[in-house]
Structure formats: structure tokens, C-alpha cells
Amino acid sequence: MTTATSGRDATHDLILRGGRVIDPSQNIDRVADVRFTRGLVAAIGERLVGDAATEVRDVSGKIVTPGLIDLHTHVYWGGTSIGVDAVALARTSATATFVDAGTAGPGNFAGFRKHVIEPAMPVRILPLLNLSFAGIFAFSNTVMVGECEDLRLLDLRECVRVARENADLIVGIKVRVGRGASGNSGAAPLDMALEVAEATGLPLMAHLDHPPPSRLDVMGRMRKGDILTHCFRPFPNAPSLPGGGVRPEVVAARERGVIFDIGHGGGSCGFGTSRAMLAAGFKPDVISSDVHILSIDGPAFDLLHTLGKFHALGMTLPEVVTCATVNAARAIRRPDIGTLKPGAPGEASIFEVVTQPTEYKDVLGEVITADRGFAARGLVLNGRWWT
């Protein structure tokens, strides 16, 4: 069976020279070199020295971070109508890990694994398993059917079986509820997904769109370590109060340990809500793109663009990097990634903060123009310069 560590080069040595290294897992933010040996992170330091065979890449003026993790994507390309190509996205967005947010369900997970996840390596795809047997099976501009509308599609035993048989890959359970995803089923699919998550010991990621169910119905059910995606969605089911501030059930959920993930997508992140939440001091735990067939050409585009959007809204560069590295890794209980600690997998994202007018658009069509943006400049995977 192919594993996430396969393909390591036992001899290759690489040094990234002179970049601004931001690694929130170690509270590092300084100009330094990063060395990768035998497919792993070897050291961070000043003017690291290799030997005659060491590859040295000058990344001065660039940002070097642990391999970026996009916590919400849909990358079952070719197997579902919603899926996009993770390998192509990795190159253009300097993203090392794509967490697929429930594109596949128990009925088609084997194909996702064999035909997409394994061939994509060294680009890492870590899936959340959809509660629905068919996964997200009808998602396009012309056909849109919620996979939780018909409760006959939800087989809890099959979901548990597939999650256990693929425990080396599956990092959580995904359920989509709301008028578009669960129709008149309301919160019933959420309750069923919670049963599966409890039985497998995995976190749950819950999507919430238009009611029913309401934000109140969902927030009260979620447990410590569960993930609410689309957490800064616009009205209805927005987390902010009309006059400013954060709704009490949202505050209570954070205090309980629920993780708040942006999951931008094509309809799930508004500037108005984001400004209100940030002004109230409620920052997202994780920033993710929710990139799929209807958002890849805007307004989400990819993880790097989404990070730039929140930088433009006032979050600092280290804050947005934290949201797409160590925090994302914790959300899926993978502390081995999202870090440049010695011995960690040899992954790093390299991008540049480009000083030029950059336009950002939210899901309601509001446009802001920032004086800077992020541009991908490279990716290290398995200790090698990959792009």
C-alpha cells in the first residue's frame, strides 16, 4: 500500500537560502536557511553549509513556510462533477496538502484512493469521508442535488466500515446540511454523522448553508475538535450580529473547542461578515479555499489567494500562515505536518508578497483592492524542489 512517506530520496540534499522563514509551530519569523536531507527537514539556521552535491536555491526576498495545508478542497477530479486537479493546484498555489472535504462517500471512496490520491503523490491528499454513500454526486452549474436530501443515501455502518478500512488516509467525517445540501432533512444528517464520528474517533466537519437547519441547531450539537466550515458565511445563518459582535452560541462553541474554518468556496464567505467578526476579535482558526469546479475561477481561486484576502482584511502575515499550517494540521490531528521542525516531512511552501494592486471579491460580489498580493514561487516536497 502506498503511504505518505513513499518516494523519499535517501541521498538528496537541498538548502533554501535566505528567505523569510515563518514557522508558527516553532514561533520562528526571521531570515534564515532551511535544509532538507533524506526527504526530511534537517535544520533551520544561518548560512547552512552543505557539500558539493547539495542543491542550493536562493529564495531571498521570498516567504518560506511549512508546506501549506488547504483544509477544505474538492479534488476527486474526474470521478465527481465537483472535483478539480490537486496536482495542478499544488503548482500554482504552493500548497503541499489538500484535505478533501467529503467529495467521496463510502460507495466511491475506493476509486478516489486508487485513481486520484495515490497517483497524486508526493502531493498529499487527505480525505474526509462523506456521510452520504454517493458523496457529492451532482454539483454543477446546471445540476445541483444535495447528497443528504434523501436519507436512504445515508448508511452509517458502511461509513464506519470504509473509515476504519482506510484509517491510514481518512482524517474525518464530512456532512453537509442546509437547504441546498439536506433539503427538508434538517439536522438529521448531522446527528447521524456525529454517530459515525463518535464510532470512529474522528472529528466531524459540518457544512452549513441556508436554513433549515439554523445556526442554533448546528452549533449546539458540535463537539470539541469538530470543525464548522463556512464559518464567516453571509446572511442567513451568519455568525455575526446585525449591529456588530458575535452571536452567543458561536462564542460558546469556540469556548467548547469547536474549530472555525473559512471554507470560502463560491457562496460561503462574505466581506461584511468577515469584517464584523474580525472587528469583534473573532479570528478564524483555519483559512481554507473550498476550491471546486464552481470556485476555482473565482472568487476563491486557491489557498494562496484566500490567504491574501484575509491579509487584506487586516490579519497579519504570520496569522494567516498559522491558519494554513499548524492550525490546519491540528484540526486533522496530524502534528507531523504543517511544521519545519527537524525530522518533519521535507515540505515547504515558497511565495512572494508582491507590491501591486490586487483585487479580491467575496461571494456576494463585493470587491476590495489591496496594495499587495501573494504569488507562488515554489514548493518543496519529499525534500526536493518540486515545481
Protein backbone atom coordinates (compact mmCIF):
# COMPACT_ATOMS: atom_id res chain seq x y z
CA MET A 1 0.00 0.00 0.00
CA THR A 2 1.32 3.44 -0.91
CA THR A 3 1.99 5.71 2.06
CA ALA A 4 2.50 9.43 2.55
CA THR A 5 6.22 8.84 3.16
CA SER A 6 6.90 6.93 -0.04
CA GLY A 7 9.27 8.43 -2.58
CA ARG A 8 11.76 9.89 -0.10
CA ASP A 9 15.20 10.35 -1.60
CA ALA A 10 17.84 8.81 0.66
CA THR A 11 20.63 10.89 -0.87
CA HIS A 12 19.26 14.26 -1.99
CA ASP A 13 20.22 17.38 -0.02
CA LEU A 14 18.59 20.79 -0.51
CA ILE A 15 19.14 24.18 1.13
CA LEU A 16 16.72 27.09 0.74
CA ARG A 17 18.92 30.14 1.16
CA GLY A 18 17.99 33.47 2.73
CA GLY A 19 14.19 33.52 2.78
CA ARG A 20 11.95 34.92 5.49
CA VAL A 21 11.09 31.74 7.36
CA ILE A 22 7.70 31.81 9.09
CA ASP A 23 7.00 28.67 11.10
CA PRO A 24 4.32 29.30 13.73
CA SER A 25 4.79 25.80 15.17
CA GLN A 26 8.19 26.95 16.47
CA ASN A 27 7.49 30.69 16.82
CA ILE A 28 10.02 31.38 14.06
CA ASP A 29 9.82 34.51 11.93
CA ARG A 30 13.24 35.53 10.67
CA VAL A 31 15.54 35.42 7.68
CA ALA A 32 17.27 32.04 7.69
CA ASP A 33 18.21 28.98 5.65
CA VAL A 34 16.27 25.72 5.67
CA ARG A 35 17.96 22.40 4.91
CA PHE A 36 16.28 19.18 3.79
CA THR A 37 18.11 15.86 3.90
CA ARG A 38 16.84 12.37 3.02
CA GLY A 39 13.38 13.74 2.38
CA LEU A 40 13.05 15.34 5.82
CA VAL A 41 13.60 18.75 7.38
CA ALA A 42 17.14 18.77 8.72
CA ALA A 43 17.76 22.25 10.13
CA ILE A 44 16.90 25.94 10.19
CA GLY A 45 19.85 28.26 10.72
CA GLU A 46 22.17 30.96 9.43
CA ARG A 47 24.31 30.22 6.36
CA LEU A 48 23.86 26.46 6.50
CA VAL A 49 26.63 24.61 4.68
CA GLY A 50 26.22 21.52 2.53
CA ASP A 51 28.66 19.57 0.43
CA ALA A 52 29.48 19.54 -3.27
CA ALA A 53 26.30 17.59 -4.08
CA THR A 54 23.94 19.87 -2.13
CA GLU A 55 21.41 21.77 -4.20
CA VAL A 56 21.12 25.39 -3.06
CA ARG A 57 18.15 27.57 -4.00
CA ASP A 58 18.28 31.32 -3.41
CA VAL A 59 14.89 32.37 -2.03
CA SER A 60 15.92 35.76 -0.66
CA GLY A 61 13.03 38.20 -0.66
CA LYS A 62 10.55 35.30 -0.52
CA ILE A 63 8.46 33.81 2.28
CA VAL A 64 9.27 30.24 3.31
CA THR A 65 6.67 28.39 5.37
CA PRO A 66 5.90 24.80 6.28
CA GLY A 67 4.04 23.09 3.44
CA LEU A 68 0.68 24.85 3.26
CA ILE A 69 -2.43 22.82 4.12
CA ASP A 70 -5.77 23.62 2.47
CA LEU A 71 -8.29 22.19 4.94
CA HIS A 72 -11.30 22.37 2.61
CA THR A 73 -11.00 21.34 -1.04
CA HIS A 74 -12.75 19.10 -3.56
CA VAL A 75 -10.13 17.23 -5.59
CA TYR A 76 -11.79 14.00 -6.73
CA TRP A 77 -11.01 15.13 -10.27
CA GLY A 78 -12.60 13.04 -13.00
CA GLY A 79 -14.64 10.98 -10.54
CA THR A 80 -17.14 13.64 -9.50
CA SER A 81 -18.53 16.75 -11.14
CA ILE A 82 -17.27 19.00 -8.32
CA GLY A 83 -13.63 17.89 -8.39
CA VAL A 84 -10.56 19.84 -9.55
CA ASP A 85 -6.95 18.73 -10.13
CA ALA A 86 -4.87 18.84 -6.93
CA VAL A 87 -1.53 18.39 -8.71
CA ALA A 88 -2.14 21.38 -10.98
CA LEU A 89 -3.30 23.44 -7.98
CA ALA A 90 -0.23 22.49 -5.96
CA ARG A 91 1.99 24.05 -8.62
CA THR A 92 0.07 27.32 -8.88
CA SER A 93 -0.68 27.82 -5.18
CA ALA A 94 2.40 26.35 -3.44
CA THR A 95 0.12 24.02 -1.48
CA ALA A 96 1.51 20.73 -0.16
CA THR A 97 -1.58 19.12 1.38
CA PHE A 98 -5.17 19.11 0.16
CA VAL A 99 -7.79 17.97 2.63
CA ASP A 100 -10.68 16.78 0.50
CA ALA A 101 -13.88 17.80 2.28
CA GLY A 102 -16.11 14.83 1.63
CA THR A 103 -16.19 14.64 -2.14
CA ALA A 104 -16.24 10.83 -1.91
CA GLY A 105 -18.55 8.71 0.19
CA PRO A 106 -18.39 5.02 1.13
CA GLY A 107 -19.68 3.97 -2.29
CA ASN A 108 -16.91 5.58 -4.36
CA PHE A 109 -14.03 6.06 -1.95
CA ALA A 110 -12.02 3.15 -3.37
CA GLY A 111 -11.88 4.87 -6.75
CA PHE A 112 -10.81 8.15 -5.18
CA ARG A 113 -7.97 6.40 -3.41
CA LYS A 114 -6.72 4.34 -6.36
CA HIS A 115 -7.21 6.76 -9.23
CA VAL A 116 -6.54 10.18 -7.63
CA ILE A 117 -4.97 10.10 -4.16
CA GLU A 118 -2.20 7.59 -4.80
CA PRO A 119 -1.18 8.88 -8.27
CA ALA A 120 -1.02 12.46 -6.94
CA MET A 121 1.87 11.73 -4.58
CA PRO A 122 4.07 13.45 -3.48
CA VAL A 123 1.21 15.97 -3.40
CA ARG A 124 -0.69 14.85 -0.31
CA ILE A 125 -4.46 14.37 -0.35
CA LEU A 126 -6.09 13.58 2.99
CA PRO A 127 -9.82 12.92 2.70
CA LEU A 128 -12.78 13.49 4.93
CA LEU A 129 -15.33 10.76 4.22
CA ASN A 130 -18.79 11.98 3.27
CA LEU A 131 -21.64 10.52 5.27
CA SER A 132 -23.61 10.09 2.04
CA PHE A 133 -22.96 6.77 0.27
CA ALA A 134 -22.51 8.57 -3.07
CA GLY A 135 -20.54 11.55 -1.79
CA ILE A 136 -21.16 14.86 -3.56
CA PHE A 137 -22.52 13.38 -6.77
CA ALA A 138 -24.45 16.18 -8.51
CA PHE A 139 -22.76 19.58 -8.31
CA SER A 140 -22.50 21.85 -11.35
CA ASN A 141 -23.90 24.99 -12.93
CA THR A 142 -26.83 23.04 -14.35
CA VAL A 143 -27.36 20.11 -11.94
CA MET A 144 -27.41 20.55 -8.16
CA VAL A 145 -28.75 17.82 -5.88
CA GLY A 146 -27.90 17.72 -2.19
CA GLU A 147 -26.42 14.37 -1.18
CA CYS A 148 -28.23 14.45 2.18
CA GLU A 149 -31.71 15.26 0.83
CA ASP A 150 -32.64 11.58 0.70
CA LEU A 151 -31.90 9.80 3.97
CA ARG A 152 -31.84 6.48 2.10
CA LEU A 153 -28.36 7.50 0.88
CA LEU A 154 -27.00 7.60 4.44
CA ASP A 155 -25.71 4.21 5.60
CA LEU A 156 -23.91 4.69 8.90
CA ARG A 157 -22.48 1.17 9.06
CA GLU A 158 -20.93 1.48 5.60
CA CYS A 159 -19.46 4.83 6.53
CA VAL A 160 -17.85 3.36 9.65
CA ARG A 161 -16.55 0.34 7.72
CA VAL A 162 -14.89 2.41 4.99
CA ALA A 163 -13.42 4.86 7.51
CA ARG A 164 -11.87 2.03 9.51
CA GLU A 165 -10.54 0.19 6.45
CA ASN A 166 -8.87 3.39 5.22
CA ALA A 167 -7.73 4.73 8.57
CA ASP A 168 -4.27 5.46 7.14
CA LEU A 169 -5.82 8.20 4.96
CA ILE A 170 -9.21 9.34 6.27
CA VAL A 171 -8.88 12.21 8.74
CA GLY A 172 -12.52 12.98 9.49
CA ILE A 173 -16.20 12.68 8.62
CA LYS A 174 -17.97 15.29 6.49
CA VAL A 175 -21.64 16.21 6.45
CA ARG A 176 -23.37 18.98 4.52
CA VAL A 177 -26.57 20.35 5.99
CA GLY A 178 -28.76 23.26 4.94
CA ARG A 179 -31.46 23.87 2.37
CA GLY A 180 -29.12 23.16 -0.54
CA ALA A 181 -27.41 20.08 0.87
CA SER A 182 -30.00 18.35 3.04
CA GLY A 183 -33.31 19.80 1.84
CA ASN A 184 -36.09 19.04 4.31
CA SER A 185 -33.93 16.62 6.28
CA GLY A 186 -32.83 19.46 8.55
CA ALA A 187 -30.36 18.45 11.24
CA ALA A 188 -30.99 14.69 10.94
CA PRO A 189 -27.89 14.07 8.76
CA LEU A 190 -25.77 16.00 11.27
CA ASP A 191 -26.95 13.77 14.11
CA MET A 192 -26.18 10.69 12.00
CA ALA A 193 -22.72 11.99 11.10
CA LEU A 194 -21.98 12.63 14.76
CA GLU A 195 -22.74 8.97 15.47
CA VAL A 196 -20.22 7.91 12.81
CA ALA A 197 -17.62 10.35 14.12
CA GLU A 198 -18.05 9.03 17.64
CA ALA A 199 -17.83 5.41 16.48
CA THR A 200 -14.61 6.04 14.53
CA GLY A 201 -12.99 8.52 16.91
CA LEU A 202 -12.68 11.09 14.12
CA PRO A 203 -13.50 14.80 14.03
CA LEU A 204 -16.59 15.95 12.16
CA MET A 205 -16.60 18.77 9.63
CA ALA A 206 -20.04 20.32 9.19
CA HIS A 207 -21.09 22.47 6.23
CA LEU A 208 -23.96 24.86 6.88
CA ASP A 209 -25.73 26.82 4.17
CA HIS A 210 -29.24 28.33 4.13
CA PRO A 211 -31.65 27.13 6.84
CA PRO A 212 -33.01 24.68 7.71
CA PRO A 213 -31.29 23.79 9.98
CA SER A 214 -30.45 27.02 11.73
CA ARG A 215 -27.09 28.06 13.11
CA LEU A 216 -28.52 27.42 16.60
CA ASP A 217 -29.42 23.84 15.69
CA VAL A 218 -25.91 23.12 14.44
CA MET A 219 -23.70 24.96 16.92
CA GLY A 220 -25.19 23.31 19.98
CA ARG A 221 -24.51 19.83 18.60
CA MET A 222 -20.84 20.23 17.73
CA ARG A 223 -18.14 18.80 19.99
CA LYS A 224 -14.63 19.81 20.96
CA GLY A 225 -12.40 19.25 17.93
CA ASP A 226 -15.24 19.28 15.41
CA ILE A 227 -14.92 21.77 12.55
CA LEU A 228 -17.51 24.28 11.41
CA THR A 229 -16.62 25.19 7.87
CA HIS A 230 -18.02 28.26 6.04
CA CYS A 231 -17.69 29.94 9.43
CA PHE A 232 -17.85 33.53 8.06
CA ARG A 233 -20.76 32.93 5.70
CA PRO A 234 -23.08 35.84 4.88
CA PHE A 235 -26.73 36.12 5.97
CA PRO A 236 -28.64 33.87 6.55
CA ASN A 237 -27.00 31.70 9.21
CA ALA A 238 -24.22 34.27 9.60
CA PRO A 239 -22.23 34.10 12.87
CA SER A 240 -22.23 37.88 13.44
CA LEU A 241 -24.94 40.03 15.00
CA PRO A 242 -26.61 42.67 12.80
CA GLY A 243 -25.32 45.53 14.96
CA GLY A 244 -21.84 44.08 15.39
CA GLY A 245 -20.38 41.42 17.60
CA VAL A 246 -20.58 37.64 17.63
CA ARG A 247 -23.64 35.56 18.33
CA PRO A 248 -23.50 33.95 21.77
CA GLU A 249 -23.91 30.38 20.51
CA VAL A 250 -20.85 30.89 18.30
CA VAL A 251 -18.79 32.20 21.22
CA ALA A 252 -19.95 29.25 23.34
CA ALA A 253 -18.93 26.79 20.61
CA ARG A 254 -15.41 28.25 20.44
CA GLU A 255 -15.11 28.08 24.21
CA ARG A 256 -16.14 24.43 23.95
CA GLY A 257 -13.32 23.77 21.47
CA VAL A 258 -15.12 23.82 18.11
CA ILE A 259 -12.74 24.77 15.27
CA PHE A 260 -13.79 27.58 12.91
CA ASP A 261 -12.73 27.19 9.28
CA ILE A 262 -13.33 29.72 6.48
CA GLY A 263 -14.13 27.30 3.61
CA HIS A 264 -14.52 30.20 1.16
CA GLY A 265 -15.92 28.48 -1.94
CA GLY A 266 -18.39 30.10 -4.28
CA GLY A 267 -21.05 31.10 -1.76
CA SER A 268 -19.72 30.87 1.77
CA CYS A 269 -17.57 33.86 2.71
CA GLY A 270 -18.69 37.49 2.82
CA PHE A 271 -16.58 40.56 3.46
CA GLY A 272 -19.33 42.07 5.63
CA THR A 273 -19.39 39.06 7.95
CA SER A 274 -15.60 38.80 7.93
CA ARG A 275 -15.14 42.46 8.89
CA ALA A 276 -17.68 42.14 11.70
CA MET A 277 -16.08 39.00 13.11
CA LEU A 278 -12.53 40.36 12.89
CA ALA A 279 -13.60 43.67 14.44
CA ALA A 280 -15.04 41.67 17.35
CA GLY A 281 -11.70 39.90 17.79
CA PHE A 282 -13.05 36.59 16.48
CA LYS A 283 -10.43 35.35 14.02
CA PRO A 284 -10.74 32.08 12.12
CA ASP A 285 -8.79 29.11 13.38
CA VAL A 286 -8.20 27.90 9.83
CA ILE A 287 -8.32 29.61 6.43
CA SER A 288 -9.21 27.29 3.55
CA SER A 289 -10.30 27.83 -0.03
CA ASP A 290 -13.14 25.32 -0.63
CA VAL A 291 -11.83 25.22 -4.17
CA HIS A 292 -14.08 23.26 -6.54
CA ILE A 293 -15.35 23.40 -10.10
CA LEU A 294 -17.53 26.47 -9.41
CA SER A 295 -14.98 28.45 -7.35
CA ILE A 296 -11.62 27.72 -8.97
CA ASP A 297 -12.06 30.58 -11.45
CA GLY A 298 -13.18 32.90 -8.66
CA PRO A 299 -13.98 34.09 -6.14
CA ALA A 300 -11.86 31.57 -4.18
CA PHE A 301 -9.27 30.57 -6.84
CA ASP A 302 -6.94 28.72 -4.43
CA LEU A 303 -5.50 28.73 -0.91
CA LEU A 304 -2.84 31.37 -1.53
CA HIS A 305 -5.39 33.81 -2.94
CA THR A 306 -7.70 33.15 0.02
CA LEU A 307 -4.86 33.78 2.48
CA GLY A 308 -4.11 37.04 0.66
CA LYS A 309 -7.74 38.05 1.03
CA PHE A 310 -7.61 37.78 4.82
CA HIS A 311 -4.27 39.56 4.88
CA ALA A 312 -6.01 42.38 3.01
CA LEU A 313 -8.79 42.34 5.63
CA GLY A 314 -6.24 43.06 8.37
CA MET A 315 -4.82 39.75 9.56
CA THR A 316 -1.02 39.74 9.77
CA LEU A 317 1.17 37.57 7.58
CA PRO A 318 2.14 35.26 10.48
CA GLU A 319 -1.54 34.95 11.44
CA VAL A 320 -2.66 33.78 8.01
CA VAL A 321 0.29 31.39 7.78
CA THR A 322 -0.69 29.95 11.17
CA CYS A 323 -4.21 29.32 9.84
CA ALA A 324 -2.89 27.26 6.92
CA THR A 325 -0.10 25.35 8.67
CA VAL A 326 -0.04 24.40 12.35
CA ASN A 327 -3.73 25.13 12.99
CA ALA A 328 -4.86 23.17 9.95
CA ALA A 329 -2.61 20.27 10.98
CA ARG A 330 -4.09 20.24 14.47
CA ALA A 331 -7.62 20.25 13.06
CA ILE A 332 -6.97 16.92 11.31
CA ARG A 333 -4.79 15.60 14.15
CA ARG A 334 -1.65 15.45 12.03
CA PRO A 335 1.05 17.24 14.09
CA ASP A 336 3.75 15.77 11.84
CA ILE A 337 2.88 18.17 9.00
CA GLY A 338 2.49 21.95 8.89
CA THR A 339 5.86 22.37 10.61
CA LEU A 340 9.55 22.79 9.78
CA LYS A 341 10.76 21.04 12.90
CA PRO A 342 13.78 18.80 12.25
CA GLY A 343 12.58 15.32 11.33
CA ALA A 344 9.28 16.52 9.87
CA PRO A 345 8.40 15.61 6.27
CA GLY A 346 10.52 17.68 3.89
CA GLU A 347 7.88 20.14 2.74
CA ALA A 348 7.94 23.90 2.36
CA SER A 349 5.90 26.49 0.51
CA ILE A 350 7.64 29.46 -1.06
CA PHE A 351 5.69 32.56 -2.06
CA GLU A 352 6.24 36.25 -2.51
CA VAL A 353 4.35 39.24 -1.16
CA VAL A 354 4.06 41.27 -4.34
CA THR A 355 3.52 45.01 -4.03
CA GLN A 356 0.90 45.71 -6.66
CA PRO A 357 -2.84 46.47 -6.70
CA THR A 358 -4.66 43.19 -6.12
CA GLU A 359 -8.42 42.76 -6.44
CA TYR A 360 -10.34 40.46 -4.12
CA LYS A 361 -14.02 39.56 -4.45
CA ASP A 362 -16.34 37.92 -1.95
CA VAL A 363 -19.23 35.56 -2.69
CA LEU A 364 -21.76 38.42 -2.87
CA GLY A 365 -19.75 40.30 -5.46
CA GLU A 366 -18.21 42.94 -3.19
CA VAL A 367 -14.74 43.91 -4.38
CA ILE A 368 -11.83 45.30 -2.38
CA THR A 369 -8.46 46.33 -3.77
CA ALA A 370 -5.34 45.78 -1.69
CA ASP A 371 -1.88 47.19 -2.34
CA ARG A 372 -0.30 43.75 -2.27
CA GLY A 373 -0.96 40.12 -3.07
CA PHE A 374 0.63 36.68 -2.72
CA ALA A 375 2.32 34.89 -5.63
CA ALA A 376 3.51 31.27 -5.56
CA ARG A 377 7.24 30.87 -6.18
CA GLY A 378 7.95 27.23 -5.39
CA LEU A 379 7.18 24.08 -3.44
CA VAL A 380 9.41 21.54 -1.71
CA LEU A 381 8.03 18.00 -1.43
CA ASN A 382 9.93 14.98 -0.12
CA GLY A 383 12.94 17.25 0.36
CA ARG A 384 13.15 18.19 -3.33
CA TRP A 385 12.32 21.38 -5.22
CA TRP A 386 9.14 20.18 -6.90
CA THR A 387 7.79 22.92 -9.15
